[in-house]
């Protein structure tokens, strides 16, 4: 399975947070799955960290690399897909991730109940 992680899932994984369900840990660590994180998540994390709204590793890029995650860059095609998304979720970062999952036909891993309402494949946690 090819999976795109929501930003909070990435942060929970990197910090070994107990908020990350066992189901998610098992899926992410399985060698049968290809795990992606979005450049949008890195942007969101760095932005919110600079505003003092969250804590994350100072060497985020190294932590992502060490986790052996693939990085999905945000493209023009992803941006154009935003205009076709229903207005279920207001968060621009989440909407960008949803568009990426939809365009790439990736399964999206999230705990956000609003995102599960979109017409994309999700791992519901």
N, C-alpha and C. Protein backbone atom coordinates (compact mmCIF):
# COMPACT_ATOMS: atom_id res chain seq x y z
N UNK A 1 0.85 -1.17 0.00
CA UNK A 1 0.00 0.00 0.00
C UNK A 1 0.90 1.24 0.00
N UNK A 2 0.49 2.25 -0.73
CA UNK A 2 1.21 3.52 -0.76
C UNK A 2 0.41 4.53 0.05
N UNK A 3 1.06 5.09 1.06
CA UNK A 3 0.36 5.91 2.05
C UNK A 3 1.00 7.29 2.16
N UNK A 4 0.13 8.30 2.23
CA UNK A 4 0.56 9.67 2.52
C UNK A 4 0.14 9.97 3.95
N UNK A 5 1.09 10.40 4.77
CA UNK A 5 0.80 10.69 6.18
C UNK A 5 0.30 12.11 6.36
N UNK A 6 -0.73 12.26 7.18
CA UNK A 6 -1.16 13.58 7.61
C UNK A 6 -0.06 14.14 8.52
N UNK A 7 0.01 15.44 8.63
CA UNK A 7 1.08 16.08 9.38
C UNK A 7 1.13 15.63 10.83
N UNK A 8 -0.02 15.51 11.49
CA UNK A 8 0.00 15.09 12.90
C UNK A 8 0.48 13.65 13.04
N UNK A 9 0.21 12.81 12.06
CA UNK A 9 0.70 11.43 12.11
C UNK A 9 2.23 11.43 12.01
N UNK A 10 2.76 12.24 11.10
CA UNK A 10 4.22 12.37 10.96
C UNK A 10 4.85 12.82 12.27
N UNK A 11 4.28 13.85 12.89
CA UNK A 11 4.84 14.37 14.14
C UNK A 11 4.78 13.33 15.25
N UNK A 12 3.67 12.62 15.35
CA UNK A 12 3.54 11.58 16.37
C UNK A 12 4.56 10.47 16.14
N UNK A 13 4.78 10.12 14.87
CA UNK A 13 5.77 9.07 14.54
C UNK A 13 7.17 9.53 14.96
N UNK A 14 7.53 10.74 14.57
CA UNK A 14 8.88 11.24 14.83
C UNK A 14 9.17 11.39 16.32
N UNK A 15 8.14 11.69 17.10
CA UNK A 15 8.34 11.87 18.54
C UNK A 15 8.00 10.63 19.35
N UNK A 16 7.65 9.54 18.66
CA UNK A 16 7.24 8.29 19.32
C UNK A 16 6.13 8.55 20.33
N UNK A 17 5.20 9.40 19.94
CA UNK A 17 4.10 9.82 20.81
C UNK A 17 3.09 8.69 20.98
N UNK A 18 2.60 8.52 22.20
CA UNK A 18 1.59 7.50 22.47
C UNK A 18 0.25 7.80 21.80
N UNK A 19 0.08 9.01 21.29
CA UNK A 19 -1.15 9.34 20.56
C UNK A 19 -1.26 8.58 19.24
N UNK A 20 -0.12 8.13 18.73
CA UNK A 20 -0.12 7.37 17.48
C UNK A 20 -0.63 5.96 17.76
N UNK A 21 -1.78 5.60 17.19
CA UNK A 21 -2.34 4.27 17.46
C UNK A 21 -1.43 3.14 16.96
N UNK A 22 -1.55 2.00 17.61
CA UNK A 22 -0.76 0.83 17.22
C UNK A 22 -1.01 0.47 15.76
N UNK A 23 -2.24 0.58 15.31
CA UNK A 23 -2.58 0.29 13.92
C UNK A 23 -1.71 1.13 12.99
N UNK A 24 -1.56 2.41 13.30
CA UNK A 24 -0.75 3.30 12.47
C UNK A 24 0.72 2.90 12.52
N UNK A 25 1.22 2.61 13.72
CA UNK A 25 2.62 2.18 13.86
C UNK A 25 2.91 0.94 13.04
N UNK A 26 1.98 -0.01 13.09
CA UNK A 26 2.16 -1.26 12.35
C UNK A 26 2.18 -1.01 10.84
N UNK A 27 1.28 -0.18 10.36
CA UNK A 27 1.21 0.11 8.92
C UNK A 27 2.46 0.85 8.46
N UNK A 28 2.87 1.86 9.22
CA UNK A 28 4.04 2.66 8.84
C UNK A 28 5.31 1.82 8.85
N UNK A 29 5.44 0.94 9.82
CA UNK A 29 6.68 0.16 9.93
C UNK A 29 6.69 -1.08 9.05
N UNK A 30 5.59 -1.42 8.42
CA UNK A 30 5.55 -2.61 7.57
C UNK A 30 6.38 -2.42 6.30
N UNK A 31 7.25 -3.37 5.99
CA UNK A 31 8.05 -3.26 4.76
C UNK A 31 7.21 -3.41 3.49
N UNK A 32 5.95 -3.81 3.64
CA UNK A 32 5.06 -3.96 2.48
C UNK A 32 4.45 -2.63 2.04
N UNK A 33 4.63 -1.59 2.84
CA UNK A 33 4.02 -0.29 2.54
C UNK A 33 5.08 0.74 2.18
N UNK A 34 4.72 1.61 1.26
CA UNK A 34 5.58 2.73 0.88
C UNK A 34 4.97 3.98 1.50
N UNK A 35 5.74 4.65 2.35
CA UNK A 35 5.22 5.77 3.13
C UNK A 35 5.77 7.09 2.58
N UNK A 36 4.85 8.00 2.30
CA UNK A 36 5.20 9.33 1.81
C UNK A 36 4.81 10.38 2.84
N UNK A 37 5.60 11.43 2.88
CA UNK A 37 5.21 12.66 3.56
C UNK A 37 5.27 13.75 2.50
N UNK A 38 4.46 14.75 2.68
CA UNK A 38 4.37 15.83 1.71
C UNK A 38 5.28 16.99 2.08
N UNK A 39 5.78 17.67 1.06
CA UNK A 39 6.52 18.91 1.30
C UNK A 39 5.60 19.92 1.99
N UNK A 40 4.29 19.78 1.81
CA UNK A 40 3.32 20.65 2.49
C UNK A 40 3.40 20.45 4.01
N UNK A 41 3.55 19.19 4.44
CA UNK A 41 3.67 18.93 5.88
C UNK A 41 4.93 19.57 6.45
N UNK A 42 6.03 19.48 5.72
CA UNK A 42 7.27 20.11 6.18
C UNK A 42 7.08 21.62 6.29
N UNK A 43 6.42 22.20 5.30
CA UNK A 43 6.14 23.65 5.31
C UNK A 43 5.28 24.00 6.53
N UNK A 44 4.22 23.23 6.76
CA UNK A 44 3.33 23.49 7.89
C UNK A 44 4.09 23.39 9.22
N UNK A 45 4.90 22.37 9.36
CA UNK A 45 5.65 22.17 10.61
C UNK A 45 6.63 23.31 10.85
N UNK A 46 7.41 23.66 9.83
CA UNK A 46 8.40 24.72 9.98
C UNK A 46 7.72 26.06 10.27
N UNK A 47 6.62 26.33 9.59
CA UNK A 47 5.89 27.58 9.80
C UNK A 47 5.34 27.65 11.23
N UNK A 48 4.67 26.60 11.65
CA UNK A 48 4.06 26.60 12.99
C UNK A 48 5.12 26.58 14.09
N UNK A 49 6.24 25.93 13.83
CA UNK A 49 7.34 25.94 14.81
C UNK A 49 7.89 27.36 14.95
N UNK A 50 8.06 28.05 13.83
CA UNK A 50 8.60 29.42 13.89
C UNK A 50 7.66 30.38 14.61
N UNK A 51 6.37 30.05 14.62
CA UNK A 51 5.38 30.87 15.32
C UNK A 51 5.20 30.44 16.78
N UNK A 52 5.94 29.40 17.19
CA UNK A 52 5.87 28.91 18.55
C UNK A 52 4.62 28.07 18.83
N UNK A 53 3.98 27.56 17.78
CA UNK A 53 2.74 26.80 17.95
C UNK A 53 2.95 25.30 18.11
N UNK A 54 4.16 24.81 17.83
CA UNK A 54 4.42 23.39 18.04
C UNK A 54 5.90 23.14 18.17
N UNK A 55 6.19 21.96 18.69
CA UNK A 55 7.58 21.52 18.84
C UNK A 55 7.82 20.39 17.85
N UNK A 56 9.02 20.39 17.29
CA UNK A 56 9.41 19.32 16.39
C UNK A 56 10.94 19.25 16.38
N UNK A 57 11.47 18.19 15.81
CA UNK A 57 12.94 18.09 15.76
C UNK A 57 13.55 19.27 15.00
N UNK A 58 14.68 19.77 15.50
CA UNK A 58 15.37 20.85 14.79
C UNK A 58 15.87 20.38 13.43
N UNK A 59 16.18 19.10 13.35
CA UNK A 59 16.67 18.52 12.11
C UNK A 59 15.57 17.68 11.46
N UNK A 60 14.46 18.34 11.15
CA UNK A 60 13.29 17.67 10.60
C UNK A 60 13.63 16.87 9.35
N UNK A 61 14.42 17.46 8.47
CA UNK A 61 14.78 16.76 7.23
C UNK A 61 15.55 15.47 7.52
N UNK A 62 16.43 15.50 8.50
CA UNK A 62 17.20 14.31 8.88
C UNK A 62 16.27 13.26 9.50
N UNK A 63 15.35 13.68 10.34
CA UNK A 63 14.41 12.75 10.98
C UNK A 63 13.53 12.07 9.94
N UNK A 64 13.10 12.81 8.94
CA UNK A 64 12.29 12.24 7.87
C UNK A 64 13.12 11.24 7.07
N UNK A 65 14.34 11.64 6.74
CA UNK A 65 15.24 10.75 6.00
C UNK A 65 15.52 9.47 6.79
N UNK A 66 15.81 9.61 8.08
CA UNK A 66 16.10 8.45 8.92
C UNK A 66 14.92 7.50 9.03
N UNK A 67 13.72 8.03 8.90
CA UNK A 67 12.51 7.20 8.93
C UNK A 67 12.26 6.49 7.61
N UNK A 68 13.07 6.82 6.62
CA UNK A 68 13.00 6.22 5.28
C UNK A 68 11.67 6.52 4.58
N UNK A 69 11.12 7.71 4.84
CA UNK A 69 9.92 8.14 4.15
C UNK A 69 10.30 8.78 2.83
N UNK A 70 9.44 8.62 1.86
CA UNK A 70 9.59 9.30 0.58
C UNK A 70 8.95 10.68 0.72
N UNK A 71 9.45 11.64 -0.04
CA UNK A 71 8.90 13.00 0.00
C UNK A 71 8.12 13.25 -1.29
N UNK A 72 6.88 13.70 -1.11
CA UNK A 72 6.02 14.05 -2.24
C UNK A 72 6.00 15.56 -2.36
N UNK A 73 6.51 16.07 -3.48
CA UNK A 73 6.52 17.51 -3.71
C UNK A 73 5.14 17.98 -4.15
N UNK A 74 4.79 19.20 -3.77
CA UNK A 74 3.51 19.80 -4.16
C UNK A 74 3.67 20.41 -5.55
N UNK A 75 2.84 19.97 -6.49
CA UNK A 75 2.98 20.37 -7.89
C UNK A 75 1.82 21.26 -8.34
N UNK A 76 1.95 21.77 -9.54
CA UNK A 76 0.88 22.56 -10.14
C UNK A 76 -0.39 21.72 -10.28
N UNK A 77 -0.24 20.46 -10.64
CA UNK A 77 -1.42 19.59 -10.76
C UNK A 77 -2.13 19.43 -9.41
N UNK A 78 -1.37 19.32 -8.35
CA UNK A 78 -1.97 19.24 -7.02
C UNK A 78 -2.71 20.54 -6.70
N UNK A 79 -2.08 21.66 -7.00
CA UNK A 79 -2.70 22.96 -6.72
C UNK A 79 -4.01 23.12 -7.50
N UNK A 80 -4.02 22.72 -8.76
CA UNK A 80 -5.22 22.86 -9.58
C UNK A 80 -6.35 21.95 -9.07
N UNK A 81 -6.00 20.83 -8.47
CA UNK A 81 -7.01 19.91 -7.93
C UNK A 81 -7.75 20.51 -6.74
N UNK A 82 -7.17 21.49 -6.09
CA UNK A 82 -7.81 22.13 -4.93
C UNK A 82 -9.16 22.73 -5.29
N UNK A 83 -9.27 23.27 -6.50
CA UNK A 83 -10.52 23.92 -6.89
C UNK A 83 -11.68 22.95 -7.07
N UNK A 84 -11.38 21.66 -7.17
CA UNK A 84 -12.42 20.65 -7.35
C UNK A 84 -12.83 19.98 -6.03
N UNK A 85 -12.14 20.32 -4.94
CA UNK A 85 -12.47 19.69 -3.66
C UNK A 85 -13.70 20.36 -3.05
N UNK A 86 -14.60 19.54 -2.49
CA UNK A 86 -15.72 20.14 -1.76
C UNK A 86 -15.23 20.88 -0.52
N UNK A 87 -16.01 21.82 -0.05
CA UNK A 87 -15.62 22.65 1.10
C UNK A 87 -15.97 21.99 2.42
N UNK A 88 -15.38 20.85 2.67
CA UNK A 88 -15.61 20.13 3.93
C UNK A 88 -14.64 20.60 5.00
N UNK A 89 -13.42 20.87 4.59
CA UNK A 89 -12.35 21.24 5.52
C UNK A 89 -11.82 22.61 5.14
N UNK A 90 -11.61 23.48 6.15
CA UNK A 90 -11.15 24.84 5.88
C UNK A 90 -9.64 25.00 5.92
N UNK A 91 -8.93 24.05 6.53
CA UNK A 91 -7.49 24.19 6.72
C UNK A 91 -6.77 24.03 5.38
N UNK A 92 -6.03 25.06 4.93
CA UNK A 92 -5.37 24.98 3.62
C UNK A 92 -4.30 23.89 3.54
N UNK A 93 -3.62 23.61 4.64
CA UNK A 93 -2.62 22.55 4.63
C UNK A 93 -3.30 21.20 4.40
N UNK A 94 -4.37 20.95 5.14
CA UNK A 94 -5.09 19.68 4.98
C UNK A 94 -5.68 19.55 3.58
N UNK A 95 -6.23 20.63 3.05
CA UNK A 95 -6.80 20.58 1.71
C UNK A 95 -5.72 20.25 0.67
N UNK A 96 -4.53 20.78 0.85
CA UNK A 96 -3.44 20.48 -0.07
C UNK A 96 -3.06 19.00 0.01
N UNK A 97 -2.99 18.46 1.22
CA UNK A 97 -2.67 17.04 1.39
C UNK A 97 -3.76 16.15 0.78
N UNK A 98 -5.00 16.53 0.94
CA UNK A 98 -6.12 15.78 0.36
C UNK A 98 -6.00 15.77 -1.15
N UNK A 99 -5.71 16.93 -1.73
CA UNK A 99 -5.55 17.02 -3.19
C UNK A 99 -4.42 16.11 -3.66
N UNK A 100 -3.32 16.10 -2.94
CA UNK A 100 -2.21 15.23 -3.31
C UNK A 100 -2.60 13.76 -3.25
N UNK A 101 -3.24 13.36 -2.18
CA UNK A 101 -3.66 11.96 -2.04
C UNK A 101 -4.59 11.57 -3.18
N UNK A 102 -5.49 12.47 -3.53
CA UNK A 102 -6.45 12.19 -4.60
C UNK A 102 -5.75 12.06 -5.95
N UNK A 103 -4.92 13.02 -6.30
CA UNK A 103 -4.23 13.01 -7.60
C UNK A 103 -3.30 11.80 -7.71
N UNK A 104 -2.59 11.48 -6.65
CA UNK A 104 -1.61 10.39 -6.68
C UNK A 104 -2.22 9.02 -6.42
N UNK A 105 -3.51 8.99 -6.08
CA UNK A 105 -4.20 7.73 -5.71
C UNK A 105 -3.52 7.04 -4.53
N UNK A 106 -3.06 7.84 -3.58
CA UNK A 106 -2.46 7.33 -2.36
C UNK A 106 -3.54 7.16 -1.30
N UNK A 107 -3.32 6.25 -0.37
CA UNK A 107 -4.17 6.13 0.81
C UNK A 107 -3.66 7.16 1.81
N UNK A 108 -4.58 7.90 2.41
CA UNK A 108 -4.22 8.97 3.34
C UNK A 108 -4.43 8.49 4.76
N UNK A 109 -3.40 8.65 5.61
CA UNK A 109 -3.51 8.24 7.00
C UNK A 109 -3.72 9.47 7.87
N UNK A 110 -4.85 9.48 8.58
CA UNK A 110 -5.21 10.62 9.40
C UNK A 110 -6.11 10.19 10.55
N UNK A 111 -6.18 11.05 11.54
CA UNK A 111 -7.15 10.88 12.62
C UNK A 111 -8.23 11.95 12.53
N UNK A 112 -8.14 12.80 11.53
CA UNK A 112 -9.05 13.93 11.33
C UNK A 112 -10.36 13.42 10.69
N UNK A 113 -11.44 13.48 11.43
CA UNK A 113 -12.73 12.95 10.97
C UNK A 113 -13.30 13.74 9.78
N UNK A 114 -12.94 15.01 9.65
CA UNK A 114 -13.41 15.79 8.50
C UNK A 114 -12.80 15.26 7.20
N UNK A 115 -11.55 14.88 7.25
CA UNK A 115 -10.85 14.43 6.04
C UNK A 115 -11.44 13.12 5.52
N UNK A 116 -11.90 12.29 6.42
CA UNK A 116 -12.46 11.00 6.02
C UNK A 116 -13.72 11.18 5.17
N UNK A 117 -14.33 12.35 5.22
CA UNK A 117 -15.54 12.64 4.43
C UNK A 117 -15.22 12.89 2.95
N UNK A 118 -13.95 13.10 2.62
CA UNK A 118 -13.56 13.36 1.22
C UNK A 118 -13.53 12.04 0.44
N UNK A 119 -13.71 12.14 -0.89
CA UNK A 119 -13.68 10.92 -1.72
C UNK A 119 -12.26 10.45 -2.02
N UNK A 120 -11.55 10.08 -0.95
CA UNK A 120 -10.20 9.52 -1.10
C UNK A 120 -10.12 8.29 -0.20
N UNK A 121 -9.16 7.42 -0.49
CA UNK A 121 -8.94 6.26 0.37
C UNK A 121 -8.23 6.72 1.64
N UNK A 122 -8.74 6.31 2.78
CA UNK A 122 -8.13 6.70 4.06
C UNK A 122 -7.93 5.49 4.95
N UNK A 123 -6.86 5.56 5.74
CA UNK A 123 -6.70 4.66 6.87
C UNK A 123 -7.33 5.42 8.02
N UNK A 124 -8.47 4.93 8.48
CA UNK A 124 -9.17 5.60 9.58
C UNK A 124 -8.58 5.15 10.91
N UNK A 125 -8.17 6.10 11.71
CA UNK A 125 -7.55 5.80 13.01
C UNK A 125 -8.46 6.27 14.13
